[in-house]
C-alpha cells in the first residue's frame, strides 16, 4: 500500500539522519536538541519540496511531515518520562579538561579539534588554560568552564558580607498606562504615584514609557522619547 511505503520511507530517512547527526557530533546542533535539529532541517526540506513539486500528490510530503512531527513528540515524551534515555537520544556531556589535564580521547569522541577548544575557551573569556580547572563540552555544543580557585569571581561570603535578598522590580506604568493591579499589590495608590511622578518633573502618566518600583518603593521612570 502506498501510504505504508511513505511511512516506512520517512522512518528510514529519520533513522539515517539521526545516525548522520550523531556522527557529525555536537557542534553542528548549537543549542538545539539533537532530534529537534534533525526535524528542523528535514521538515524544511520536505516543506520546500511540497511547495515546489506541484506534479506530485500533496499528501505524500504532508504525511511525511506529520510522521516526523510525531516522532519528535514521542521522543520528547520518552526523554521526559525516562531520563536515562536522554544520553542515547541527546548525547552526554564530555569532560575535555580536568585538573590541568587535557583528554585527547574525549576530544576525539566529541569530534572537537584542539584549535576549536581553544577558540571556545577564549569566547568564554579564558585566554590561559592554567586558569581552567574543569572544562565540559555539553551535548548542545557549548563549553562549560569551572575556573581554578584564584580565578573564581569574588563572592560576598568570601569577604564576610551577607547581601540583601534581591527582588524583581514591578511594572507600575507601561506605555503611558497605569497598572492598577500591580500598584495595589505593592500597597500603593495613584495618589502616591502622582507625587512620585511630580517629584521627577512629570505631570501625567502619559509622559511615561515605563515606570518600575522596587521592594523599597523606589520608582524608576523612563520617559516617552
N, C-alpha and C. Protein backbone atom coordinates (compact mmCIF):
# COMPACT_ATOMS: atom_id res chain seq x y z
N UNK A 1 0.85 -1.19 0.00
CA UNK A 1 0.00 0.00 0.00
C UNK A 1 0.88 1.25 0.00
N UNK A 2 0.51 2.26 -0.79
CA UNK A 2 1.37 3.42 -0.98
C UNK A 2 1.58 4.22 0.30
N UNK A 3 0.53 4.34 1.11
CA UNK A 3 0.64 5.10 2.37
C UNK A 3 1.68 4.45 3.28
N UNK A 4 1.65 3.13 3.36
CA UNK A 4 2.60 2.39 4.20
C UNK A 4 4.03 2.61 3.70
N UNK A 5 4.20 2.65 2.37
CA UNK A 5 5.52 2.88 1.79
C UNK A 5 6.07 4.25 2.19
N UNK A 6 5.21 5.27 2.17
CA UNK A 6 5.64 6.61 2.55
C UNK A 6 6.07 6.65 4.02
N UNK A 7 5.28 6.00 4.88
CA UNK A 7 5.60 5.97 6.31
C UNK A 7 6.92 5.26 6.56
N UNK A 8 7.11 4.12 5.91
CA UNK A 8 8.36 3.36 6.08
C UNK A 8 9.56 4.16 5.58
N UNK A 9 9.39 4.80 4.41
CA UNK A 9 10.49 5.61 3.85
C UNK A 9 10.84 6.77 4.78
N UNK A 10 9.83 7.39 5.38
CA UNK A 10 10.06 8.51 6.31
C UNK A 10 10.79 8.05 7.56
N UNK A 11 10.35 6.93 8.12
CA UNK A 11 11.00 6.39 9.32
C UNK A 11 12.46 6.02 9.02
N UNK A 12 12.68 5.46 7.85
CA UNK A 12 14.04 5.07 7.47
C UNK A 12 14.92 6.31 7.30
N UNK A 13 14.38 7.37 6.65
CA UNK A 13 15.17 8.59 6.47
C UNK A 13 15.45 9.26 7.81
N UNK A 14 14.49 9.16 8.75
CA UNK A 14 14.70 9.72 10.09
C UNK A 14 15.86 9.01 10.78
N UNK A 15 15.89 7.70 10.65
CA UNK A 15 16.95 6.91 11.26
C UNK A 15 18.31 7.28 10.67
N UNK A 16 18.35 7.40 9.34
CA UNK A 16 19.61 7.74 8.66
C UNK A 16 20.10 9.12 9.09
N UNK A 17 19.18 10.10 9.12
CA UNK A 17 19.55 11.46 9.54
C UNK A 17 20.03 11.49 10.99
N UNK A 18 19.39 10.68 11.83
CA UNK A 18 19.78 10.61 13.23
C UNK A 18 21.21 10.08 13.37
N UNK A 19 21.52 9.04 12.63
CA UNK A 19 22.86 8.45 12.67
C UNK A 19 23.90 9.44 12.15
N UNK A 20 23.55 10.15 11.05
CA UNK A 20 24.48 11.13 10.47
C UNK A 20 24.76 12.26 11.47
N UNK A 21 23.69 12.76 12.11
CA UNK A 21 23.85 13.84 13.08
C UNK A 21 24.72 13.40 14.25
N UNK A 22 24.57 12.13 14.66
CA UNK A 22 25.39 11.59 15.74
C UNK A 22 26.86 11.55 15.32
N UNK A 23 27.10 11.14 14.07
CA UNK A 23 28.47 11.04 13.57
C UNK A 23 29.12 12.41 13.43
N UNK A 24 28.31 13.41 13.05
CA UNK A 24 28.84 14.77 12.90
C UNK A 24 29.31 15.31 14.23
N UNK A 25 28.58 15.02 15.30
CA UNK A 25 28.98 15.50 16.62
C UNK A 25 28.13 16.66 17.10
N UNK A 26 28.48 17.17 18.31
CA UNK A 26 27.68 18.19 18.96
C UNK A 26 27.69 19.53 18.23
N UNK A 27 28.81 19.92 17.66
CA UNK A 27 28.98 21.30 17.25
C UNK A 27 28.05 21.75 16.13
N UNK A 28 27.41 20.82 15.43
CA UNK A 28 26.53 21.20 14.35
C UNK A 28 25.13 21.58 14.83
N UNK A 29 24.79 21.27 16.08
CA UNK A 29 23.41 21.47 16.51
C UNK A 29 23.25 22.66 17.44
N UNK A 30 24.36 23.33 17.81
CA UNK A 30 24.33 24.52 18.66
C UNK A 30 23.47 24.27 19.88
N UNK A 31 22.42 25.07 20.08
CA UNK A 31 21.62 24.94 21.29
C UNK A 31 20.39 24.06 21.08
N UNK A 32 20.18 23.55 19.91
CA UNK A 32 19.02 22.69 19.66
C UNK A 32 19.26 21.29 20.20
N UNK A 33 18.18 20.63 20.62
CA UNK A 33 18.29 19.22 20.94
C UNK A 33 18.56 18.48 19.64
N UNK A 34 19.19 17.32 19.76
CA UNK A 34 19.63 16.59 18.58
C UNK A 34 18.50 16.32 17.60
N UNK A 35 17.40 15.75 18.08
CA UNK A 35 16.35 15.40 17.13
C UNK A 35 15.56 16.62 16.69
N UNK A 36 15.55 17.69 17.49
CA UNK A 36 14.93 18.94 17.04
C UNK A 36 15.68 19.48 15.83
N UNK A 37 17.01 19.35 15.87
CA UNK A 37 17.85 19.78 14.74
C UNK A 37 17.51 18.97 13.50
N UNK A 38 17.44 17.65 13.67
CA UNK A 38 17.13 16.77 12.55
C UNK A 38 15.76 17.10 11.97
N UNK A 39 14.78 17.24 12.86
CA UNK A 39 13.42 17.52 12.42
C UNK A 39 13.34 18.86 11.69
N UNK A 40 14.07 19.86 12.21
CA UNK A 40 14.04 21.18 11.60
C UNK A 40 14.51 21.17 10.16
N UNK A 41 15.68 20.59 9.92
CA UNK A 41 16.20 20.60 8.55
C UNK A 41 15.38 19.70 7.63
N UNK A 42 14.85 18.62 8.19
CA UNK A 42 14.07 17.68 7.36
C UNK A 42 12.72 18.27 6.98
N UNK A 43 12.03 18.84 7.97
CA UNK A 43 10.73 19.44 7.67
C UNK A 43 10.87 20.60 6.70
N UNK A 44 11.98 21.35 6.83
CA UNK A 44 12.22 22.44 5.89
C UNK A 44 12.39 21.92 4.47
N UNK A 45 13.13 20.84 4.35
CA UNK A 45 13.36 20.24 3.04
C UNK A 45 12.06 19.68 2.45
N UNK A 46 11.31 18.97 3.30
CA UNK A 46 10.05 18.38 2.83
C UNK A 46 9.06 19.49 2.45
N UNK A 47 9.02 20.54 3.29
CA UNK A 47 8.11 21.65 3.01
C UNK A 47 8.43 22.33 1.71
N UNK A 48 9.73 22.49 1.42
CA UNK A 48 10.15 23.12 0.17
C UNK A 48 9.75 22.26 -1.02
N UNK A 49 9.93 20.96 -0.84
CA UNK A 49 9.55 20.04 -1.93
C UNK A 49 8.05 20.07 -2.15
N UNK A 50 7.31 20.15 -1.06
CA UNK A 50 5.85 20.17 -1.15
C UNK A 50 5.37 21.42 -1.88
N UNK A 51 6.10 22.53 -1.66
CA UNK A 51 5.69 23.81 -2.26
C UNK A 51 6.11 23.93 -3.72
N UNK A 52 7.17 23.23 -4.11
CA UNK A 52 7.72 23.41 -5.46
C UNK A 52 7.39 22.27 -6.42
N UNK A 53 7.22 21.05 -5.89
CA UNK A 53 6.93 19.91 -6.76
C UNK A 53 5.42 19.75 -6.89
N UNK A 54 4.83 20.51 -7.79
CA UNK A 54 3.38 20.55 -7.91
C UNK A 54 2.81 19.30 -8.59
N UNK A 55 3.66 18.58 -9.31
CA UNK A 55 3.15 17.41 -10.04
C UNK A 55 2.83 16.26 -9.09
N UNK A 56 3.60 16.14 -8.01
CA UNK A 56 3.42 15.03 -7.08
C UNK A 56 2.21 15.29 -6.19
N UNK A 57 1.56 14.23 -5.71
CA UNK A 57 0.42 14.39 -4.80
C UNK A 57 0.86 15.11 -3.53
N UNK A 58 0.10 16.12 -3.09
CA UNK A 58 0.48 16.94 -1.95
C UNK A 58 0.49 16.15 -0.65
N UNK A 59 -0.33 15.07 -0.60
CA UNK A 59 -0.48 14.38 0.68
C UNK A 59 0.76 13.58 1.08
N UNK A 60 1.61 13.27 0.09
CA UNK A 60 2.79 12.47 0.43
C UNK A 60 3.77 13.25 1.32
N UNK A 61 4.22 14.44 0.89
CA UNK A 61 5.11 15.18 1.79
C UNK A 61 4.41 15.61 3.07
N UNK A 62 3.09 15.87 2.99
CA UNK A 62 2.34 16.25 4.19
C UNK A 62 2.34 15.11 5.21
N UNK A 63 2.16 13.90 4.70
CA UNK A 63 2.18 12.72 5.57
C UNK A 63 3.56 12.53 6.19
N UNK A 64 4.59 12.74 5.37
CA UNK A 64 5.95 12.61 5.89
C UNK A 64 6.22 13.62 6.99
N UNK A 65 5.76 14.86 6.80
CA UNK A 65 5.94 15.89 7.82
C UNK A 65 5.20 15.53 9.10
N UNK A 66 4.01 14.97 8.95
CA UNK A 66 3.23 14.55 10.13
C UNK A 66 3.94 13.44 10.89
N UNK A 67 4.52 12.51 10.13
CA UNK A 67 5.25 11.40 10.76
C UNK A 67 6.47 11.93 11.51
N UNK A 68 7.22 12.84 10.87
CA UNK A 68 8.40 13.41 11.52
C UNK A 68 8.01 14.18 12.78
N UNK A 69 6.92 14.93 12.69
CA UNK A 69 6.44 15.67 13.86
C UNK A 69 6.07 14.73 14.99
N UNK A 70 5.43 13.62 14.64
CA UNK A 70 5.02 12.63 15.65
C UNK A 70 6.23 11.99 16.31
N UNK A 71 7.26 11.72 15.51
CA UNK A 71 8.49 11.13 16.05
C UNK A 71 9.10 12.07 17.10
N UNK A 72 9.14 13.37 16.77
CA UNK A 72 9.71 14.36 17.69
C UNK A 72 8.93 14.41 19.00
N UNK A 73 7.60 14.39 18.90
CA UNK A 73 6.75 14.42 20.10
C UNK A 73 6.98 13.18 20.95
N UNK A 74 7.05 12.03 20.30
CA UNK A 74 7.26 10.77 21.03
C UNK A 74 8.61 10.77 21.73
N UNK A 75 9.66 11.21 21.02
CA UNK A 75 11.00 11.25 21.62
C UNK A 75 11.06 12.23 22.79
N UNK A 76 10.36 13.35 22.64
CA UNK A 76 10.31 14.33 23.73
C UNK A 76 9.65 13.73 24.96
N UNK A 77 8.58 12.97 24.73
CA UNK A 77 7.88 12.30 25.84
C UNK A 77 8.77 11.27 26.50
N UNK A 78 9.50 10.51 25.68
CA UNK A 78 10.38 9.46 26.21
C UNK A 78 11.48 10.06 27.08
N UNK A 79 12.10 11.17 26.61
CA UNK A 79 13.19 11.77 27.39
C UNK A 79 12.70 12.36 28.70
N UNK A 80 11.42 12.84 28.72
CA UNK A 80 10.87 13.37 29.97
C UNK A 80 10.48 12.24 30.92
N UNK A 81 9.93 11.19 30.36
CA UNK A 81 9.43 10.07 31.18
C UNK A 81 10.57 9.18 31.65
N UNK A 82 11.57 8.99 30.80
CA UNK A 82 12.68 8.10 31.13
C UNK A 82 14.00 8.87 30.98
N UNK A 83 14.43 9.57 32.04
CA UNK A 83 15.64 10.41 31.98
C UNK A 83 16.89 9.69 31.47
N UNK A 84 17.01 8.39 31.75
CA UNK A 84 18.20 7.64 31.33
C UNK A 84 18.31 7.54 29.81
N UNK A 85 17.18 7.73 29.12
CA UNK A 85 17.19 7.63 27.65
C UNK A 85 17.83 8.85 27.01
N UNK A 86 17.99 9.94 27.77
CA UNK A 86 18.50 11.18 27.19
C UNK A 86 19.90 11.03 26.64
N UNK A 87 20.72 10.22 27.31
CA UNK A 87 22.10 10.08 26.84
C UNK A 87 22.18 9.38 25.49
N UNK A 88 21.17 8.57 25.17
CA UNK A 88 21.16 7.88 23.88
C UNK A 88 20.54 8.75 22.79
N UNK A 89 19.60 9.63 23.16
CA UNK A 89 18.91 10.46 22.19
C UNK A 89 19.61 11.81 22.00
N UNK A 90 19.92 12.49 23.11
CA UNK A 90 20.53 13.82 23.03
C UNK A 90 22.04 13.80 23.11
N UNK A 91 22.60 12.75 23.69
CA UNK A 91 24.04 12.69 23.91
C UNK A 91 24.36 13.04 25.35
N UNK A 92 25.63 13.01 25.70
CA UNK A 92 26.05 13.30 27.07
C UNK A 92 27.20 14.31 27.08
N UNK A 93 27.34 15.05 28.18
CA UNK A 93 28.48 15.98 28.30
C UNK A 93 29.79 15.21 28.31
N UNK A 94 30.84 15.84 27.81
CA UNK A 94 32.16 15.20 27.75
C UNK A 94 33.19 16.08 28.45
N UNK A 95 33.92 15.49 29.40
CA UNK A 95 34.97 16.24 30.10
C UNK A 95 36.18 16.35 29.19
N UNK A 96 36.54 17.57 28.83
CA UNK A 96 37.67 17.82 27.93
C UNK A 96 38.95 18.09 28.72
N UNK A 97 38.78 18.77 29.85
CA UNK A 97 39.95 19.12 30.66
C UNK A 97 39.57 19.04 32.13
N UNK A 98 40.47 18.49 32.94
CA UNK A 98 40.20 18.41 34.37
C UNK A 98 41.53 18.33 35.14
N UNK A 99 41.65 19.17 36.17
CA UNK A 99 42.86 19.13 36.99
C UNK A 99 44.14 19.41 36.22
N UNK A 100 44.06 20.28 35.20
CA UNK A 100 45.25 20.61 34.42
C UNK A 100 45.59 19.61 33.34
N UNK A 101 44.73 18.61 33.13
CA UNK A 101 45.00 17.59 32.11
C UNK A 101 43.98 17.68 30.98
N UNK A 102 44.49 17.62 29.73
CA UNK A 102 43.63 17.58 28.56
C UNK A 102 43.42 16.13 28.14
N UNK A 103 42.17 15.79 27.86
CA UNK A 103 41.84 14.41 27.49
C UNK A 103 41.64 14.31 25.97
N UNK A 104 42.70 13.88 25.30
CA UNK A 104 42.67 13.77 23.85
C UNK A 104 41.61 12.79 23.38
N UNK A 105 41.46 11.70 24.10
CA UNK A 105 40.48 10.67 23.74
C UNK A 105 39.06 11.23 23.78
N UNK A 106 38.77 12.02 24.81
CA UNK A 106 37.44 12.62 24.93
C UNK A 106 37.19 13.67 23.85
N UNK A 107 38.24 14.40 23.47
CA UNK A 107 38.10 15.39 22.40
C UNK A 107 37.79 14.70 21.08
N UNK A 108 38.44 13.58 20.86
CA UNK A 108 38.20 12.81 19.64
C UNK A 108 36.77 12.28 19.63
N UNK A 109 36.32 11.82 20.79
CA UNK A 109 34.96 11.28 20.93
C UNK A 109 33.92 12.37 20.66
N UNK A 110 34.22 13.60 21.10
CA UNK A 110 33.28 14.72 20.92
C UNK A 110 33.42 15.40 19.57
N UNK A 111 34.32 14.90 18.71
CA UNK A 111 34.58 15.50 17.39
C UNK A 111 35.03 16.96 17.54
N UNK A 112 35.89 17.21 18.53
CA UNK A 112 36.34 18.56 18.83
C UNK A 112 37.84 18.68 18.61
N UNK A 113 38.23 19.59 17.72
CA UNK A 113 39.64 19.82 17.44
C UNK A 113 40.25 20.70 18.54
N UNK A 114 41.55 20.59 18.73
CA UNK A 114 42.23 21.36 19.75
C UNK A 114 42.07 22.87 19.51
N UNK A 115 42.18 23.28 18.25
CA UNK A 115 42.04 24.70 17.91
C UNK A 115 40.63 25.19 18.21
N UNK A 116 39.64 24.35 18.00
CA UNK A 116 38.25 24.71 18.30
C UNK A 116 38.05 24.84 19.81
N UNK A 117 38.68 23.95 20.56
CA UNK A 117 38.60 24.01 22.02
C UNK A 117 39.20 25.32 22.53
N UNK A 118 40.34 25.71 21.98
CA UNK A 118 40.98 26.95 22.37
C UNK A 118 40.09 28.15 22.05
N UNK A 119 39.43 28.09 20.90
CA UNK A 119 38.52 29.16 20.49
C UNK A 119 37.36 29.28 21.47
N UNK A 120 36.77 28.15 21.85
CA UNK A 120 35.66 28.16 22.80
C UNK A 120 36.09 28.71 24.15
N UNK A 121 37.31 28.38 24.57
CA UNK A 121 37.84 28.90 25.83
C UNK A 121 37.95 30.42 25.77
N UNK A 122 38.48 30.94 24.65
CA UNK A 122 38.62 32.38 24.51
C UNK A 122 37.27 33.08 24.48
N UNK A 123 36.28 32.43 23.84
CA UNK A 123 34.94 33.01 23.79
C UNK A 123 34.32 33.10 25.18
N UNK A 124 34.73 32.22 26.07
CA UNK A 124 34.24 32.24 27.45
C UNK A 124 35.07 33.17 28.33
N UNK A 125 36.10 33.79 27.75
CA UNK A 125 36.92 34.75 28.49
C UNK A 125 38.16 34.16 29.14
N UNK A 126 38.55 32.95 28.72
CA UNK A 126 39.73 32.30 29.29
C UNK A 126 40.81 32.18 28.21
N UNK A 127 41.87 32.98 28.37
CA UNK A 127 42.95 33.00 27.38
C UNK A 127 44.14 32.15 27.82
N UNK A 128 44.11 31.65 29.05
CA UNK A 128 45.17 30.79 29.56
C UNK A 128 44.55 29.52 30.13
N UNK A 129 44.99 28.37 29.62
CA UNK A 129 44.43 27.10 30.11
C UNK A 129 44.74 26.88 31.58
N UNK A 130 45.78 27.53 32.09
CA UNK A 130 46.14 27.37 33.50
C UNK A 130 45.09 28.00 34.42
N UNK A 131 44.18 28.82 33.84
CA UNK A 131 43.11 29.43 34.62
C UNK A 131 41.90 28.51 34.74
N UNK A 132 41.95 27.36 34.02
CA UNK A 132 40.80 26.46 33.96
C UNK A 132 41.04 25.21 34.81
N UNK A 133 40.07 24.93 35.69
CA UNK A 133 40.14 23.71 36.49
C UNK A 133 39.48 22.55 35.73
N UNK A 134 38.25 22.79 35.25
CA UNK A 134 37.50 21.77 34.51
C UNK A 134 36.77 22.40 33.34
N UNK A 135 36.82 21.73 32.20
CA UNK A 135 36.08 22.18 31.02
C UNK A 135 35.23 21.02 30.52
N UNK A 136 33.93 21.27 30.39
CA UNK A 136 32.99 20.23 29.96
C UNK A 136 32.34 20.66 28.65
N UNK A 137 32.42 19.79 27.66
CA UNK A 137 31.79 20.06 26.37
C UNK A 137 30.38 19.49 26.42
N UNK A 138 29.37 20.38 26.49
CA UNK A 138 27.99 19.95 26.65
C UNK A 138 27.45 19.36 25.35
N UNK A 139 26.35 18.62 25.48
CA UNK A 139 25.80 17.96 24.28
C UNK A 139 25.20 18.94 23.29
N UNK A 140 24.97 20.19 23.71
CA UNK A 140 24.42 21.19 22.79
C UNK A 140 25.51 22.01 22.10
N UNK A 141 26.79 21.60 22.28
CA UNK A 141 27.88 22.27 21.60
C UNK A 141 28.50 23.42 22.36
N UNK A 142 28.06 23.68 23.58
CA UNK A 142 28.60 24.75 24.41
C UNK A 142 29.67 24.22 25.35
N UNK A 143 30.61 25.08 25.70
CA UNK A 143 31.68 24.70 26.62
C UNK A 143 31.42 25.33 27.99
N UNK A 144 31.33 24.50 29.02
CA UNK A 144 31.14 24.98 30.39
C UNK A 144 32.47 24.90 31.12
N UNK A 145 32.85 26.01 31.74
CA UNK A 145 34.18 26.07 32.37
C UNK A 145 34.07 26.37 33.86
N UNK A 146 34.80 25.59 34.66
CA UNK A 146 34.96 25.85 36.08
C UNK A 146 36.38 26.38 36.28
N UNK A 147 36.53 27.65 36.67
CA UNK A 147 37.88 28.21 36.81
C UNK A 147 38.59 27.70 38.06
N UNK A 148 39.89 27.82 38.08
CA UNK A 148 40.66 27.48 39.28
C UNK A 148 40.27 28.47 40.38
N UNK A 149 40.54 28.10 41.63
CA UNK A 149 40.09 28.89 42.77
C UNK A 149 40.47 30.35 42.71
N UNK A 150 41.71 30.64 42.35
CA UNK A 150 42.18 32.04 42.36
C UNK A 150 41.57 32.88 41.24
N UNK A 151 40.96 32.23 40.24
CA UNK A 151 40.33 32.96 39.14
C UNK A 151 38.81 33.00 39.28
N UNK A 152 38.30 32.39 40.34
CA UNK A 152 36.86 32.37 40.56
C UNK A 152 36.38 33.78 40.95
N UNK A 153 35.23 34.22 40.41
CA UNK A 153 34.73 35.54 40.77
C UNK A 153 34.52 35.66 42.28
N UNK A 154 34.82 36.83 42.82
CA UNK A 154 34.67 37.06 44.26
C UNK A 154 33.21 36.95 44.66
N UNK A 155 32.95 36.18 45.73
CA UNK A 155 31.61 36.01 46.26
C UNK A 155 31.46 36.83 47.54
N UNK A 156 30.25 37.32 47.85
CA UNK A 156 30.05 38.12 49.07
C UNK A 156 30.53 37.43 50.34
N UNK A 157 30.28 36.10 50.42
CA UNK A 157 30.70 35.38 51.63
C UNK A 157 32.21 35.30 51.78
N UNK A 158 32.95 35.51 50.66
CA UNK A 158 34.41 35.49 50.75
C UNK A 158 34.95 36.62 51.62
N UNK A 159 34.20 37.72 51.69
CA UNK A 159 34.65 38.86 52.49
C UNK A 159 33.69 39.14 53.66
N UNK A 160 32.92 38.10 54.00
CA UNK A 160 32.07 38.18 55.19
C UNK A 160 30.84 39.04 55.05
N UNK A 161 30.33 39.21 53.82
CA UNK A 161 29.14 40.02 53.60
C UNK A 161 27.91 39.14 53.44
N UNK A 162 26.78 39.62 53.90
CA UNK A 162 25.50 38.94 53.69
C UNK A 162 24.60 39.90 52.94
N UNK A 163 24.55 39.79 51.62
CA UNK A 163 23.77 40.75 50.82
C UNK A 163 22.27 40.60 51.04
N UNK A 164 21.56 41.71 50.84
CA UNK A 164 20.11 41.67 50.97
C UNK A 164 19.51 40.84 49.83
N UNK A 165 18.36 40.28 50.11
CA UNK A 165 17.68 39.46 49.12
C UNK A 165 17.25 40.33 47.94
N UNK A 166 17.61 39.87 46.74
CA UNK A 166 17.23 40.61 45.53
C UNK A 166 15.80 40.24 45.13
N UNK A 167 15.04 41.24 44.73
CA UNK A 167 13.68 41.01 44.27
C UNK A 167 13.47 41.72 42.94
N UNK A 168 12.50 41.20 42.17
CA UNK A 168 12.20 41.80 40.87
C UNK A 168 11.51 43.14 41.05
N UNK A 169 11.82 44.08 40.14
CA UNK A 169 11.06 45.33 40.10
C UNK A 169 9.68 45.05 39.53
N UNK A 170 8.72 45.85 39.96
CA UNK A 170 7.35 45.69 39.49
C UNK A 170 6.98 46.81 38.54
N UNK A 171 6.35 46.45 37.42
CA UNK A 171 5.93 47.46 36.45
C UNK A 171 4.73 48.22 37.00
N UNK A 172 4.83 49.54 37.07
CA UNK A 172 3.74 50.39 37.57
C UNK A 172 3.06 51.13 36.42
N UNK A 173 3.87 51.57 35.46
CA UNK A 173 3.34 52.22 34.25
C UNK A 173 4.01 51.59 33.04
N UNK A 174 3.20 51.24 32.06
CA UNK A 174 3.74 50.71 30.80
C UNK A 174 3.06 51.43 29.65
N UNK A 175 3.88 52.06 28.80
CA UNK A 175 3.38 52.75 27.62
C UNK A 175 2.29 53.77 27.98
N UNK A 176 2.53 54.52 29.06
CA UNK A 176 1.61 55.59 29.45
C UNK A 176 0.39 55.15 30.24
N UNK A 177 0.25 53.86 30.53
CA UNK A 177 -0.92 53.36 31.24
C UNK A 177 -0.54 52.83 32.62
N UNK A 178 -1.30 53.23 33.63
CA UNK A 178 -1.05 52.78 35.00
C UNK A 178 -1.56 51.35 35.17
N UNK A 179 -0.72 50.49 35.72
CA UNK A 179 -1.11 49.12 36.01
C UNK A 179 -1.63 49.07 37.45
N UNK A 180 -2.92 49.33 37.59
CA UNK A 180 -3.53 49.47 38.90
C UNK A 180 -3.37 48.23 39.78
N UNK A 181 -3.46 47.06 39.16
CA UNK A 181 -3.32 45.81 39.91
C UNK A 181 -1.96 45.71 40.58
N UNK A 182 -0.90 46.01 39.83
CA UNK A 182 0.46 45.97 40.38
C UNK A 182 0.66 47.02 41.47
N UNK A 183 0.06 48.19 41.25
CA UNK A 183 0.18 49.29 42.21
C UNK A 183 -0.48 48.89 43.54
N UNK A 184 -1.65 48.30 43.44
CA UNK A 184 -2.39 47.86 44.64
C UNK A 184 -1.66 46.73 45.35
N UNK A 185 -1.07 45.81 44.56
CA UNK A 185 -0.36 44.66 45.12
C UNK A 185 0.83 45.10 45.98
N UNK A 186 1.39 46.24 45.66
CA UNK A 186 2.53 46.75 46.41
C UNK A 186 2.11 47.64 47.58
N UNK A 187 0.79 47.74 47.78
CA UNK A 187 0.28 48.55 48.88
C UNK A 187 0.34 50.03 48.61
N UNK A 188 0.30 50.41 47.35
CA UNK A 188 0.39 51.81 46.95
C UNK A 188 -0.88 52.23 46.23
N UNK A 189 -1.02 53.55 46.01
CA UNK A 189 -2.19 54.06 45.28
C UNK A 189 -1.76 55.13 44.28
N UNK A 190 -2.74 55.61 43.53
CA UNK A 190 -2.44 56.57 42.47
C UNK A 190 -2.01 57.94 43.03
N UNK A 191 -2.45 58.24 44.26
CA UNK A 191 -2.03 59.49 44.89
C UNK A 191 -0.53 59.46 45.15
N UNK A 192 -0.04 58.31 45.65
CA UNK A 192 1.41 58.15 45.89
C UNK A 192 2.16 58.24 44.57
N UNK A 193 1.62 57.58 43.54
CA UNK A 193 2.27 57.58 42.24
C UNK A 193 2.35 58.99 41.67
N UNK A 194 1.25 59.76 41.84
CA UNK A 194 1.24 61.13 41.32
C UNK A 194 2.32 61.98 41.96
N UNK A 195 2.51 61.81 43.29
CA UNK A 195 3.55 62.57 43.99
C UNK A 195 4.94 62.20 43.51
N UNK A 196 5.15 60.89 43.29
CA UNK A 196 6.45 60.41 42.82
C UNK A 196 6.77 60.95 41.43
N UNK A 197 5.77 60.96 40.57
CA UNK A 197 5.98 61.47 39.21
C UNK A 197 6.24 62.97 39.24
N UNK A 198 5.50 63.68 40.08
CA UNK A 198 5.66 65.13 40.19
C UNK A 198 7.06 65.50 40.68
N UNK A 199 7.60 64.66 41.61
CA UNK A 199 8.94 64.94 42.14
C UNK A 199 10.01 64.77 41.07
N UNK A 200 9.65 64.05 39.98
CA UNK A 200 10.61 63.85 38.89
C UNK A 200 10.26 64.71 37.68
N UNK A 201 9.39 65.70 37.92
CA UNK A 201 9.05 66.65 36.86
C UNK A 201 8.09 66.13 35.83
N UNK A 202 7.27 65.15 36.20
CA UNK A 202 6.31 64.56 35.26
C UNK A 202 4.91 64.86 35.76
N UNK A 203 4.09 65.43 34.90
CA UNK A 203 2.76 65.85 35.31
C UNK A 203 1.69 64.76 35.15
N UNK A 204 1.88 63.87 34.18
CA UNK A 204 0.86 62.84 33.96
C UNK A 204 1.50 61.54 33.45
N UNK A 205 0.84 60.39 33.73
CA UNK A 205 1.38 59.07 33.34
C UNK A 205 1.62 58.92 31.84
N UNK A 206 0.90 59.65 31.01
CA UNK A 206 1.04 59.53 29.56
C UNK A 206 2.44 59.94 29.09
N UNK A 207 3.17 60.66 29.94
CA UNK A 207 4.53 61.08 29.60
C UNK A 207 5.55 59.99 29.88
N UNK A 208 5.07 58.89 30.49
CA UNK A 208 5.98 57.81 30.93
C UNK A 208 5.87 56.60 30.02
N UNK A 209 7.00 56.15 29.54
CA UNK A 209 7.03 54.93 28.73
C UNK A 209 7.03 53.70 29.64
N UNK A 210 7.87 53.74 30.69
CA UNK A 210 7.95 52.64 31.65
C UNK A 210 8.32 53.17 33.02
N UNK A 211 7.62 52.69 34.05
CA UNK A 211 7.94 53.04 35.44
C UNK A 211 8.01 51.75 36.25
N UNK A 212 9.13 51.57 36.95
CA UNK A 212 9.35 50.37 37.76
C UNK A 212 9.50 50.75 39.22
N UNK A 213 8.95 49.90 40.08
CA UNK A 213 9.02 50.16 41.52
C UNK A 213 9.68 48.96 42.20
N UNK A 214 10.69 49.23 43.06
CA UNK A 214 11.36 48.13 43.75
C UNK A 214 10.70 47.87 45.10
N UNK A 215 11.24 46.92 45.84
CA UNK A 215 10.65 46.50 47.11
C UNK A 215 10.69 47.60 48.17
N UNK A 216 11.56 48.59 47.97
CA UNK A 216 11.66 49.71 48.91
C UNK A 216 10.85 50.91 48.44
N UNK A 217 10.01 50.68 47.45
CA UNK A 217 9.12 51.70 46.90
C UNK A 217 9.89 52.85 46.24
N UNK A 218 11.02 52.52 45.66
CA UNK A 218 11.77 53.49 44.87
C UNK A 218 11.32 53.37 43.42
N UNK A 219 10.90 54.49 42.85
CA UNK A 219 10.35 54.48 41.50
C UNK A 219 11.41 54.89 40.47
N UNK A 220 11.59 54.04 39.46
CA UNK A 220 12.49 54.34 38.34
C UNK A 220 11.63 54.63 37.12
N UNK A 221 11.82 55.83 36.55
CA UNK A 221 10.95 56.28 35.46
C UNK A 221 11.73 56.45 34.16
N UNK A 222 11.15 55.94 33.07
CA UNK A 222 11.72 56.11 31.74
C UNK A 222 10.68 56.84 30.90
N UNK A 223 11.04 58.05 30.50
CA UNK A 223 10.09 58.91 29.78
C UNK A 223 9.85 58.45 28.34
N UNK A 224 8.74 58.92 27.80
CA UNK A 224 8.46 58.74 26.37
C UNK A 224 9.49 59.54 25.58
N UNK A 225 10.05 58.92 24.55
CA UNK A 225 11.03 59.62 23.71
C UNK A 225 10.46 59.77 22.31
